[in-house]
Each structure stands twice: as structure tokens, then as C-alpha cells.
Amino acid sequence: MSPGLAFGAIIVLIGAQVTRVVAPRHASYPWAFVFAAAGFVAAELFAFATNIGGPPLGALHPFADAVGIAAVEVVGSQLTSPGRSPRVR
């Protein structure tokens, strides 16, 4: 296994766990994992295409990955949050 792939998997797992700790009611863990993986891939593609995203650590850009994961997690958790019914008085 490539060291970059292992490091990327660790970043995705940490991103999913942080989401579950910070906002436990917004998305289930499988959704948090999917959003973390999507954010990681999007951030790496963005950093590779634009050469923006901080200095690379091996083949990865940890700063861009953290920002990408956070952005996708926020949007995803809002889209998958349980519907809140209005209070009836």
C-alpha cells in the first residue's frame, strides 16, 4: 500500500470522527465518512489543479484536505440533518 494512500485514509477517518464529535445529531457516521472522503478527493483535485493548498506532505496537501473535508461536511450535514417539525402550540 502506498504511504500516501494510508495517510489519506487516516485523514478521512479523522475528518469523519471530528464531525461526529462536533455535530453528533446532524449526520450518521456512514454519511460523515462519505462526506469526508468526498471532501478529501475534492480538495486534493483542487490543490493539484491550482497548486494552491499549502505545501505538500509527500503527495498530499493536509491543509487543503482539512478545509475541503470541513466544507463538504458542513454542507452535507445540513442536507442530511433530520427534518425538524415545527412546534405546535
Protein backbone atom coordinates (compact mmCIF):
# COMPACT_ATOMS: atom_id res chain seq x y z
CA MET A 1 0.00 0.00 0.00
CA SER A 2 1.25 3.46 -0.85
CA PRO A 3 2.14 5.64 2.16
CA GLY A 4 0.12 8.47 0.61
CA LEU A 5 -2.95 6.26 0.39
CA ALA A 6 -2.59 5.21 4.03
CA PHE A 7 -2.11 8.83 5.12
CA GLY A 8 -5.17 9.86 3.08
CA ALA A 9 -7.26 7.14 4.73
CA ILE A 10 -6.16 8.39 8.15
CA ILE A 11 -7.13 11.97 7.23
CA VAL A 12 -10.58 10.80 6.07
CA LEU A 13 -11.15 8.79 9.25
CA ILE A 14 -10.10 11.72 11.44
CA GLY A 15 -12.39 14.05 9.48
CA ALA A 16 -15.36 11.73 9.95
CA GLN A 17 -14.65 11.34 13.67
CA VAL A 18 -14.30 15.09 14.22
CA THR A 19 -17.67 15.60 12.56
CA ARG A 20 -19.32 13.05 14.85
CA VAL A 21 -17.79 14.73 17.91
CA VAL A 22 -18.62 18.30 16.89
CA ALA A 23 -22.12 17.71 15.48
CA PRO A 24 -23.36 14.29 16.56
CA ARG A 25 -27.00 14.86 15.61
CA HIS A 26 -26.53 16.12 12.07
CA ALA A 27 -25.39 13.09 10.10
CA SER A 28 -24.87 9.42 10.80
CA TYR A 29 -21.34 8.03 10.77
CA PRO A 30 -21.63 6.45 7.29
CA TRP A 31 -22.70 9.81 5.87
CA ALA A 32 -19.89 11.58 7.74
CA PHE A 33 -17.42 9.09 6.28
CA VAL A 34 -18.77 9.58 2.74
CA PHE A 35 -18.62 13.37 3.10
CA ALA A 36 -15.08 13.22 4.49
CA ALA A 37 -13.95 11.07 1.58
CA ALA A 38 -15.64 13.37 -0.94
CA GLY A 39 -14.08 16.44 0.67
CA PHE A 40 -10.67 14.79 0.66
CA VAL A 41 -10.86 13.89 -3.02
CA ALA A 42 -12.22 17.30 -4.00
CA ALA A 43 -9.54 19.11 -2.00
CA GLU A 44 -6.74 17.01 -3.48
CA LEU A 45 -8.02 17.60 -7.02
CA PHE A 46 -8.30 21.33 -6.33
CA ALA A 47 -4.81 21.50 -4.79
CA PHE A 48 -3.32 19.50 -7.65
CA ALA A 49 -5.03 21.56 -10.37
CA THR A 50 -4.36 25.01 -8.92
CA ASN A 51 -1.16 24.38 -6.95
CA ILE A 52 -2.88 26.12 -4.01
CA GLY A 53 -3.38 24.37 -0.71
CA GLY A 54 -0.22 24.70 1.28
CA PRO A 55 2.99 22.78 0.97
CA PRO A 56 2.59 19.14 0.01
CA LEU A 57 3.41 16.46 2.55
CA GLY A 58 4.53 13.72 0.23
CA ALA A 59 1.84 13.65 -2.42
CA LEU A 60 -0.91 15.09 -0.20
CA HIS A 61 -1.87 18.60 0.87
CA PRO A 62 -3.06 18.31 4.50
CA PHE A 63 -4.21 21.93 4.87
CA ALA A 64 -6.30 21.80 1.70
CA ASP A 65 -7.66 18.40 2.78
CA ALA A 66 -8.77 19.72 6.16
CA VAL A 67 -10.50 22.71 4.57
CA GLY A 68 -12.13 20.55 1.88
CA ILE A 69 -13.36 17.97 4.36
CA ALA A 70 -14.75 20.67 6.67
CA ALA A 71 -16.58 22.40 3.80
CA VAL A 72 -18.16 19.22 2.46
CA GLU A 73 -19.05 18.03 5.97
CA VAL A 74 -20.87 21.29 6.76
CA VAL A 75 -22.86 21.24 3.53
CA GLY A 76 -23.53 17.52 3.76
CA SER A 77 -24.65 17.61 7.35
CA GLN A 78 -27.11 20.37 6.53
CA LEU A 79 -28.50 18.33 3.65
CA THR A 80 -28.87 15.12 5.66
CA SER A 81 -29.93 16.57 9.00
CA PRO A 82 -33.18 15.12 10.30
CA GLY A 83 -36.20 17.20 9.41
CA ARG A 84 -37.35 19.39 12.21
CA SER A 85 -41.06 19.61 12.52
CA PRO A 86 -42.47 22.94 13.67
CA ARG A 87 -43.72 23.09 17.23
CA VAL A 88 -47.45 23.08 17.59
CA ARG A 89 -48.82 25.10 20.47
